[in-house]
N, C-alpha and C. Protein backbone atom coordinates (compact mmCIF):
# COMPACT_ATOMS: atom_id res chain seq x y z
N MET A 1 23.81 -27.48 13.10
CA MET A 1 24.45 -26.25 12.29
C MET A 1 23.28 -26.91 10.71
N THR A 2 23.04 -26.68 10.05
CA THR A 2 22.54 -26.78 8.83
C THR A 2 23.76 -26.95 7.78
N GLU A 3 23.22 -26.89 6.69
CA GLU A 3 24.20 -27.07 5.24
C GLU A 3 24.62 -25.88 5.06
N LYS A 4 23.44 -25.04 4.87
CA LYS A 4 23.46 -24.13 4.22
C LYS A 4 24.38 -22.80 5.68
N ALA A 5 24.26 -23.16 6.41
CA ALA A 5 24.85 -22.33 7.50
C ALA A 5 26.60 -22.82 7.81
N ASN A 6 27.10 -23.60 7.20
CA ASN A 6 27.94 -24.18 7.29
C ASN A 6 29.01 -23.84 5.99
N THR A 7 28.13 -23.70 4.79
CA THR A 7 28.52 -23.26 3.71
C THR A 7 28.56 -21.78 3.90
N ARG A 8 28.09 -21.01 4.74
CA ARG A 8 28.19 -18.95 4.85
C ARG A 8 29.02 -19.05 5.92
N LYS A 9 29.91 -20.28 6.50
CA LYS A 9 30.70 -20.11 7.79
C LYS A 9 32.01 -20.02 6.85
N ILE A 10 32.30 -20.80 5.91
CA ILE A 10 33.50 -21.40 5.00
C ILE A 10 33.39 -20.24 4.87
N ALA A 11 32.31 -19.61 4.03
CA ALA A 11 32.71 -18.00 2.87
C ALA A 11 33.02 -17.65 4.31
N TRP A 12 32.52 -17.40 4.96
CA TRP A 12 33.20 -15.68 5.45
C TRP A 12 34.24 -16.17 6.67
N LEU A 13 34.95 -17.39 6.66
CA LEU A 13 36.58 -17.45 7.11
C LEU A 13 37.32 -17.46 5.97
N SER A 14 37.10 -18.18 4.82
CA SER A 14 37.56 -17.69 3.85
C SER A 14 38.11 -15.95 3.24
N ALA A 15 37.19 -15.30 3.53
CA ALA A 15 36.86 -14.10 2.93
C ALA A 15 37.61 -13.66 4.29
N VAL A 16 37.74 -13.73 5.77
CA VAL A 16 38.88 -13.62 6.56
C VAL A 16 40.18 -13.56 6.35
N VAL A 17 40.54 -15.27 5.92
CA VAL A 17 42.03 -15.55 5.34
C VAL A 17 42.63 -14.75 3.96
N LEU A 18 41.60 -14.22 3.26
CA LEU A 18 42.04 -14.09 2.28
C LEU A 18 42.17 -12.10 2.41
N SER A 19 41.12 -11.59 3.32
CA SER A 19 41.02 -10.59 3.32
C SER A 19 42.61 -10.05 3.84
N ILE A 20 43.21 -11.09 5.23
CA ILE A 20 44.37 -10.65 5.70
C ILE A 20 45.86 -10.90 4.96
N ILE A 21 45.60 -11.73 3.91
CA ILE A 21 46.56 -12.23 2.88
C ILE A 21 46.59 -11.23 1.92
N ALA A 22 45.37 -10.47 1.52
CA ALA A 22 45.87 -9.29 0.52
C ALA A 22 45.81 -7.71 1.35
N GLY A 23 45.19 -7.64 2.34
CA GLY A 23 45.33 -6.42 2.99
C GLY A 23 44.45 -5.25 2.34
N SER A 24 43.16 -5.70 1.47
CA SER A 24 42.78 -4.56 1.31
C SER A 24 41.23 -4.79 0.45
N VAL A 25 40.68 -4.53 0.09
CA VAL A 25 39.68 -5.03 -0.23
C VAL A 25 39.71 -5.68 -1.71
N LEU A 26 38.67 -7.02 -0.99
CA LEU A 26 38.87 -7.83 -2.26
C LEU A 26 37.89 -8.37 -3.16
N MET A 27 38.25 -9.29 -4.46
CA MET A 27 37.10 -9.30 -5.21
C MET A 27 37.21 -10.65 -5.77
N ALA A 28 36.27 -11.51 -6.19
CA ALA A 28 36.08 -12.38 -6.16
C ALA A 28 35.86 -13.09 -7.70
N GLY A 29 36.06 -13.36 -8.74
CA GLY A 29 34.78 -13.02 -10.19
C GLY A 29 34.83 -14.43 -10.07
N GLY A 30 33.80 -14.45 -11.66
CA GLY A 30 33.67 -15.98 -12.11
C GLY A 30 32.89 -16.65 -11.55
N PHE A 31 31.67 -16.41 -10.81
CA PHE A 31 31.11 -16.88 -9.93
C PHE A 31 29.75 -17.36 -9.87
N GLY A 32 29.11 -16.23 -11.67
CA GLY A 32 28.13 -16.93 -12.28
C GLY A 32 28.21 -16.46 -13.79
N GLN A 33 26.98 -16.17 -14.44
CA GLN A 33 27.20 -16.02 -15.33
C GLN A 33 26.35 -14.55 -16.16
N PHE A 34 27.08 -14.01 -17.38
CA PHE A 34 26.14 -12.52 -17.50
C PHE A 34 25.83 -12.78 -18.70
N GLY A 35 25.56 -11.61 -19.65
CA GLY A 35 24.55 -11.71 -20.53
C GLY A 35 23.28 -12.34 -20.87
N ASN A 36 22.68 -12.16 -20.06
CA ASN A 36 21.42 -12.65 -19.73
C ASN A 36 20.42 -11.03 -19.48
N LEU A 37 19.79 -10.52 -20.28
CA LEU A 37 19.51 -9.38 -19.76
C LEU A 37 17.68 -9.36 -19.92
N ALA A 38 17.46 -10.39 -18.56
CA ALA A 38 16.51 -10.36 -18.49
C ALA A 38 15.22 -9.77 -17.72
N ALA A 39 16.15 -8.48 -16.74
CA ALA A 39 15.61 -7.29 -16.31
C ALA A 39 14.91 -6.63 -17.63
N ALA A 40 15.63 -6.59 -18.65
CA ALA A 40 15.39 -5.33 -19.57
C ALA A 40 13.76 -5.08 -20.12
N ASP A 41 13.61 -4.50 -20.28
CA ASP A 41 12.19 -4.29 -20.96
C ASP A 41 12.62 -4.66 -22.58
N GLU A 42 11.52 -4.95 -22.86
CA GLU A 42 11.68 -5.56 -24.31
C GLU A 42 12.35 -4.49 -25.45
N ASP A 43 11.70 -3.06 -25.13
CA ASP A 43 12.62 -2.33 -26.13
C ASP A 43 13.87 -1.64 -25.60
N ASP A 44 14.03 -2.07 -24.10
CA ASP A 44 15.62 -1.11 -23.79
C ASP A 44 16.59 -1.96 -24.22
N GLU A 45 18.07 -1.28 -24.36
CA GLU A 45 18.97 -1.61 -24.43
C GLU A 45 20.05 -1.93 -23.45
N GLU A 46 19.32 -1.15 -22.30
CA GLU A 46 20.05 -0.97 -20.88
C GLU A 46 19.06 -1.28 -19.58
N VAL A 47 20.09 -2.27 -18.60
CA VAL A 47 19.74 -2.44 -17.27
C VAL A 47 19.88 -1.00 -16.58
N GLU A 48 19.25 -1.02 -15.59
CA GLU A 48 19.87 -0.13 -14.44
C GLU A 48 19.25 -0.59 -13.63
N LEU A 49 19.53 -0.91 -12.60
CA LEU A 49 19.15 -1.60 -11.28
C LEU A 49 19.76 -1.05 -9.96
N ILE A 50 19.19 -1.20 -9.25
CA ILE A 50 19.59 -0.20 -7.70
C ILE A 50 19.30 -0.95 -6.35
N ALA A 51 19.87 -1.40 -5.26
CA ALA A 51 19.50 -2.01 -4.22
C ALA A 51 19.92 -1.41 -3.29
N ILE A 52 19.15 -0.72 -2.11
CA ILE A 52 19.87 0.08 -1.15
C ILE A 52 19.52 -0.82 -0.26
N LEU A 53 20.86 -0.26 0.68
CA LEU A 53 21.41 -1.96 1.82
C LEU A 53 20.53 -1.12 3.50
N PHE A 54 20.35 -2.03 3.59
CA PHE A 54 19.10 -2.06 5.02
C PHE A 54 20.02 -2.57 6.27
N ASP A 55 20.27 -2.15 7.38
CA ASP A 55 21.12 -2.97 8.15
C ASP A 55 19.51 -3.46 9.36
N GLY A 56 19.92 -4.65 10.14
CA GLY A 56 18.44 -5.13 11.15
C GLY A 56 17.94 -4.03 11.62
N ASN A 57 18.50 -2.93 11.81
CA ASN A 57 17.09 -1.39 12.70
C ASN A 57 16.91 -0.61 11.18
N GLY A 58 16.89 -1.30 10.25
CA GLY A 58 16.23 -0.30 9.35
C GLY A 58 17.07 0.92 8.27
N SER A 59 18.20 1.07 9.41
CA SER A 59 18.86 2.46 9.05
C SER A 59 19.53 2.05 7.33
N GLU A 60 19.58 2.54 6.68
CA GLU A 60 20.44 2.73 5.65
C GLU A 60 22.16 2.48 5.28
N ALA A 61 22.60 1.60 5.26
CA ALA A 61 24.18 1.22 5.17
C ALA A 61 24.94 1.42 4.03
N GLY A 62 23.94 1.51 2.92
CA GLY A 62 24.86 0.94 1.26
C GLY A 62 23.92 1.18 0.40
N GLU A 63 24.58 1.32 -0.76
CA GLU A 63 24.09 0.95 -1.95
C GLU A 63 24.72 0.00 -3.28
N VAL A 64 23.60 -0.59 -4.29
CA VAL A 64 24.40 -1.64 -4.88
C VAL A 64 23.64 -1.13 -6.00
N LYS A 65 24.80 -1.10 -7.03
CA LYS A 65 23.97 -0.86 -8.41
C LYS A 65 24.89 -1.92 -9.59
N TYR A 66 23.48 -2.10 -10.26
CA TYR A 66 23.79 -2.93 -11.97
C TYR A 66 23.41 -2.24 -13.12
N GLU A 67 24.20 -2.22 -13.88
CA GLU A 67 24.21 -1.88 -14.90
C GLU A 67 24.37 -2.87 -16.18
N ALA A 68 23.61 -2.78 -17.35
CA ALA A 68 24.47 -4.27 -18.09
C ALA A 68 23.80 -3.34 -19.76
N GLU A 69 24.02 -3.60 -20.57
CA GLU A 69 24.40 -3.29 -21.95
C GLU A 69 23.93 -4.29 -23.05
N GLU A 70 23.09 -4.45 -23.52
CA GLU A 70 22.95 -5.56 -24.44
C GLU A 70 23.87 -5.77 -25.17
N ASP A 71 24.06 -4.52 -26.60
CA ASP A 71 24.75 -4.56 -27.56
C ASP A 71 26.14 -4.26 -27.33
N GLU A 72 26.56 -4.10 -26.20
CA GLU A 72 28.32 -4.32 -26.19
C GLU A 72 28.44 -5.14 -25.27
N GLU A 73 27.31 -6.10 -24.81
CA GLU A 73 27.36 -7.03 -23.73
C GLU A 73 28.16 -6.68 -22.68
N GLU A 74 28.40 -5.41 -22.04
CA GLU A 74 29.25 -4.71 -20.95
C GLU A 74 28.43 -5.08 -19.86
N SER A 75 28.94 -5.02 -18.39
CA SER A 75 28.11 -4.58 -17.75
C SER A 75 29.07 -4.17 -16.65
N GLU A 76 28.33 -3.46 -15.36
CA GLU A 76 29.25 -3.26 -14.29
C GLU A 76 28.04 -3.32 -12.76
N LEU A 77 29.06 -4.30 -11.27
CA LEU A 77 28.26 -4.64 -10.59
C LEU A 77 28.92 -3.38 -9.33
N LYS A 78 27.90 -2.85 -8.37
CA LYS A 78 29.14 -1.82 -7.68
C LYS A 78 28.25 -1.98 -6.51
N ILE A 79 29.15 -2.16 -5.55
CA ILE A 79 28.63 -2.44 -4.09
C ILE A 79 29.31 -1.64 -3.06
N GLU A 80 28.44 -0.21 -2.37
CA GLU A 80 29.36 0.30 -1.61
C GLU A 80 28.52 0.29 -0.05
N ILE A 81 28.97 -0.01 1.10
CA ILE A 81 29.15 0.17 2.78
C ILE A 81 29.57 1.78 2.83
N LYS A 82 28.35 2.12 3.67
CA LYS A 82 29.28 3.11 3.93
C LYS A 82 28.50 3.86 5.53
N ASP A 83 29.38 4.45 6.54
CA ASP A 83 29.01 4.51 7.94
C ASP A 83 28.78 3.05 8.44
N PHE A 84 29.20 2.27 8.56
CA PHE A 84 29.06 0.52 9.27
C PHE A 84 30.46 0.03 9.92
N VAL A 85 30.21 -1.17 9.69
CA VAL A 85 31.40 -1.28 11.09
C VAL A 85 32.90 -1.25 10.53
N SER A 86 33.37 -0.44 11.86
CA SER A 86 35.02 -0.89 10.77
C SER A 86 35.67 -1.56 11.39
N ASN A 87 36.83 -1.82 10.02
CA ASN A 87 37.56 -3.11 9.62
C ASN A 87 37.20 -4.26 10.28
N GLY A 88 36.19 -4.09 9.14
CA GLY A 88 35.44 -5.61 8.85
C GLY A 88 35.19 -6.49 7.70
N VAL A 89 35.30 -7.15 7.63
CA VAL A 89 35.07 -8.12 6.34
C VAL A 89 34.05 -8.71 6.57
N PHE A 90 33.27 -8.66 5.46
CA PHE A 90 32.04 -9.28 4.86
C PHE A 90 31.77 -9.81 3.56
N VAL A 91 31.13 -11.13 3.30
CA VAL A 91 30.86 -11.45 2.31
C VAL A 91 29.96 -10.81 1.27
N ALA A 92 29.46 -10.95 0.38
CA ALA A 92 28.34 -10.78 -0.46
C ALA A 92 27.93 -11.54 -1.34
N PHE A 93 26.46 -11.62 -1.40
CA PHE A 93 25.66 -12.94 -1.96
C PHE A 93 24.02 -12.20 -2.43
N THR A 94 23.58 -12.32 -4.00
CA THR A 94 22.99 -12.37 -4.50
C THR A 94 21.97 -13.58 -4.93
N ASN A 95 20.97 -13.36 -4.05
CA ASN A 95 20.19 -14.57 -4.71
C ASN A 95 20.63 -15.72 -3.95
N SER A 96 21.67 -16.00 -2.90
CA SER A 96 22.45 -17.43 -2.52
C SER A 96 23.73 -17.51 -3.12
N THR A 97 24.12 -16.39 -3.99
CA THR A 97 25.09 -16.81 -4.72
C THR A 97 26.40 -16.12 -4.46
N GLN A 98 27.70 -16.63 -3.79
CA GLN A 98 28.15 -15.74 -3.18
C GLN A 98 29.18 -14.87 -4.66
N VAL A 99 28.86 -13.49 -4.44
CA VAL A 99 29.72 -12.54 -5.29
C VAL A 99 30.89 -12.28 -5.18
N GLY A 100 31.43 -11.47 -4.06
CA GLY A 100 32.47 -11.03 -3.32
C GLY A 100 32.67 -11.28 -2.18
N LEU A 101 33.77 -10.25 -1.24
CA LEU A 101 34.24 -10.18 -0.08
C LEU A 101 34.35 -8.59 -0.22
N ILE A 102 33.79 -7.89 1.07
CA ILE A 102 33.92 -6.37 0.66
C ILE A 102 34.60 -6.36 2.28
N ALA A 103 35.86 -5.18 2.32
CA ALA A 103 36.62 -4.92 3.77
C ALA A 103 36.06 -3.14 3.93
N THR A 104 35.85 -3.35 5.25
CA THR A 104 35.44 -1.65 5.58
C THR A 104 36.88 -1.33 6.00
N ASP A 105 37.23 0.24 5.54
CA ASP A 105 38.18 0.61 7.00
C ASP A 105 37.30 1.38 7.70
N SER A 106 38.55 2.03 8.70
CA SER A 106 38.04 2.76 10.01
C SER A 106 37.42 3.95 9.76
N ASP A 107 36.48 3.99 8.52
CA ASP A 107 35.78 4.84 9.08
C ASP A 107 34.46 3.71 8.16
N GLY A 108 34.39 2.91 8.34
CA GLY A 108 33.27 1.91 8.22
C GLY A 108 32.84 1.73 6.89
N GLU A 109 33.70 2.35 5.48
CA GLU A 109 33.45 2.16 4.33
C GLU A 109 33.82 1.10 3.47
N GLY A 110 33.30 0.90 2.47
CA GLY A 110 33.92 -0.37 2.07
C GLY A 110 33.12 -0.56 -0.02
N GLU A 111 33.91 -0.66 -0.75
CA GLU A 111 33.48 -0.73 -1.80
C GLU A 111 33.56 -2.17 -2.79
N LEU A 112 32.72 -2.64 -3.54
CA LEU A 112 33.01 -3.63 -4.18
C LEU A 112 32.94 -3.79 -6.19
N LYS A 113 33.91 -3.38 -6.94
CA LYS A 113 33.17 -3.00 -8.00
C LYS A 113 33.77 -4.14 -8.85
N PHE A 114 32.77 -4.58 -10.37
CA PHE A 114 32.76 -5.79 -11.43
C PHE A 114 33.15 -4.54 -12.43
N GLU A 115 33.92 -5.11 -13.24
CA GLU A 115 33.73 -4.68 -14.76
C GLU A 115 34.12 -6.06 -15.71
N PRO A 116 33.58 -6.94 -16.38
CA PRO A 116 31.96 -7.05 -15.83
C PRO A 116 31.95 -7.55 -14.89
N SER A 117 30.16 -7.74 -14.37
CA SER A 117 29.58 -8.49 -13.43
C SER A 117 30.37 -9.77 -13.57
N PRO A 118 29.96 -10.53 -12.44
CA PRO A 118 30.28 -11.61 -12.63
C PRO A 118 29.14 -12.52 -12.61
N ILE A 119 27.64 -11.89 -12.21
CA ILE A 119 26.62 -12.12 -12.63
C ILE A 119 25.51 -11.52 -13.48
N THR A 120 24.71 -11.96 -13.49
CA THR A 120 23.30 -11.44 -14.36
C THR A 120 22.14 -11.30 -12.91
N ILE A 121 21.91 -9.78 -12.90
CA ILE A 121 21.45 -8.93 -12.28
C ILE A 121 19.84 -8.78 -12.54
N ASN A 122 18.52 -9.14 -12.25
CA ASN A 122 17.03 -9.06 -12.39
C ASN A 122 16.26 -8.24 -11.41
N ARG A 123 15.43 -7.54 -11.65
CA ARG A 123 14.80 -6.44 -11.03
C ARG A 123 14.04 -7.53 -9.73
N GLY A 124 13.83 -6.91 -8.69
CA GLY A 124 13.20 -8.14 -7.86
C GLY A 124 14.42 -9.32 -7.02
N ASP A 125 15.40 -9.43 -7.02
CA ASP A 125 16.28 -9.84 -6.49
C ASP A 125 16.87 -9.33 -5.74
N SER A 126 17.66 -10.00 -4.87
CA SER A 126 17.90 -9.57 -3.44
C SER A 126 19.06 -9.59 -3.30
N ILE A 127 19.75 -9.37 -2.29
CA ILE A 127 21.30 -8.80 -1.91
C ILE A 127 21.57 -9.18 -0.13
N THR A 128 22.07 -9.35 -0.03
CA THR A 128 22.82 -9.62 1.19
C THR A 128 24.22 -9.23 1.45
N VAL A 129 24.50 -8.77 2.58
CA VAL A 129 25.85 -8.72 3.00
C VAL A 129 26.25 -9.37 4.43
N GLU A 130 27.05 -10.33 4.46
CA GLU A 130 26.93 -11.18 5.61
C GLU A 130 28.17 -11.06 6.25
N ASN A 131 28.43 -11.28 8.09
CA ASN A 131 29.34 -11.49 8.60
C ASN A 131 29.51 -13.54 9.03
N SER A 132 30.07 -13.61 9.89
CA SER A 132 30.32 -14.90 10.64
C SER A 132 28.61 -15.53 10.97
N THR A 133 28.36 -14.32 11.52
CA THR A 133 27.21 -14.32 12.66
C THR A 133 25.63 -14.68 11.05
N GLY A 134 25.79 -14.39 10.23
CA GLY A 134 24.77 -14.18 8.89
C GLY A 134 24.64 -12.51 8.76
N THR A 135 23.68 -12.40 8.46
CA THR A 135 22.92 -11.37 7.30
C THR A 135 23.16 -9.90 7.92
N VAL A 136 23.89 -9.21 7.82
CA VAL A 136 23.79 -7.95 8.47
C VAL A 136 23.11 -6.66 7.61
N LEU A 137 23.78 -6.87 6.39
CA LEU A 137 22.53 -5.90 5.29
C LEU A 137 21.74 -6.81 4.24
N SER A 138 20.60 -6.34 4.39
CA SER A 138 20.09 -6.77 3.00
C SER A 138 19.53 -5.44 2.03
N GLY A 139 19.24 -6.24 0.82
CA GLY A 139 17.97 -4.84 -0.23
C GLY A 139 17.80 -6.12 -1.22
N THR A 140 16.63 -5.52 -2.14
CA THR A 140 16.30 -5.77 -3.20
C THR A 140 16.51 -4.75 -4.65
N PHE A 141 16.82 -5.72 -5.31
CA PHE A 141 16.98 -4.94 -6.73
C PHE A 141 15.83 -4.16 -7.71
N GLU A 142 15.78 -3.06 -7.58
CA GLU A 142 14.59 -2.19 -8.42
C GLU A 142 14.86 -1.74 -9.22
N SER A 143 14.42 -0.82 -10.48
CA SER A 143 14.70 0.20 -11.25
C SER A 143 15.45 1.82 -10.20
N ASP A 144 16.30 2.02 -11.31
CA ASP A 144 16.70 3.23 -10.61
C ASP A 144 15.70 4.18 -10.84
N ILE A 145 14.97 4.47 -9.98
CA ILE A 145 14.32 5.88 -9.71
C ILE A 145 14.25 6.80 -10.40
N ASP A 146 15.67 7.43 -9.94
CA ASP A 146 16.20 9.26 -10.51
C ASP A 146 16.37 8.85 -11.33
N GLU A 147 16.82 8.05 -12.22
CA GLU A 147 17.20 7.83 -13.89
C GLU A 147 15.92 8.13 -14.31
N ASP A 148 14.79 6.98 -14.18
CA ASP A 148 13.33 6.82 -14.44
C ASP A 148 12.62 8.67 -14.74
N ASP A 149 12.83 9.02 -12.90
CA ASP A 149 12.41 10.60 -13.34
C ASP A 149 12.85 11.34 -14.46
N ASP A 150 13.97 11.30 -14.25
CA ASP A 150 14.73 12.19 -15.44
C ASP A 150 14.74 11.98 -16.72
N GLU A 151 14.35 10.89 -17.10
CA GLU A 151 14.11 10.46 -18.50
C GLU A 151 12.48 10.88 -18.73
N GLU A 152 11.83 11.02 -17.50
CA GLU A 152 10.20 11.91 -18.39
C GLU A 152 10.36 12.92 -18.35
N GLU A 153 11.13 13.54 -17.12
CA GLU A 153 11.36 15.24 -17.33
C GLU A 153 11.73 15.54 -18.98
N GLU A 154 12.82 14.82 -19.24
CA GLU A 154 13.26 15.15 -20.69
C GLU A 154 12.34 14.87 -21.67
N GLU A 155 11.76 14.03 -21.75
CA GLU A 155 10.56 13.73 -22.91
C GLU A 155 9.26 14.72 -22.61
N GLU A 156 8.84 15.37 -21.16
CA GLU A 156 7.85 16.86 -21.37
C GLU A 156 7.92 18.01 -21.78
């Protein structure tokens, strides 16, 4: 087994142990830095990115939103899993950095939210949600398309 696989297995096992102790959705902060708004356009003061999570069959199973404001140094990261495996425990990673743990309920829904975000997200960054066997959901951060459309309509 590779070192990366061992590290992820340990992370997953830690998630299981911690979820048993806490009995609910868990959050683990402080795994990264925030404040670098490299994803923002030069004229923008706010970054809003979204990643749709897909399972191995290409079905949508969740959404991740990242928002950050340069002026007030505020940020938020929200990961939602919908209609997925019930009563599961998963580890969320962005670009191979562990972000936190998500436990799903009996309906297969789970949520993890950070204010402020423990990491900086940039356009094009990847997010994976994994269990002990590997990646079960994945996505890529892009601009929030709906919001871009709303801004264009307001300008017309």
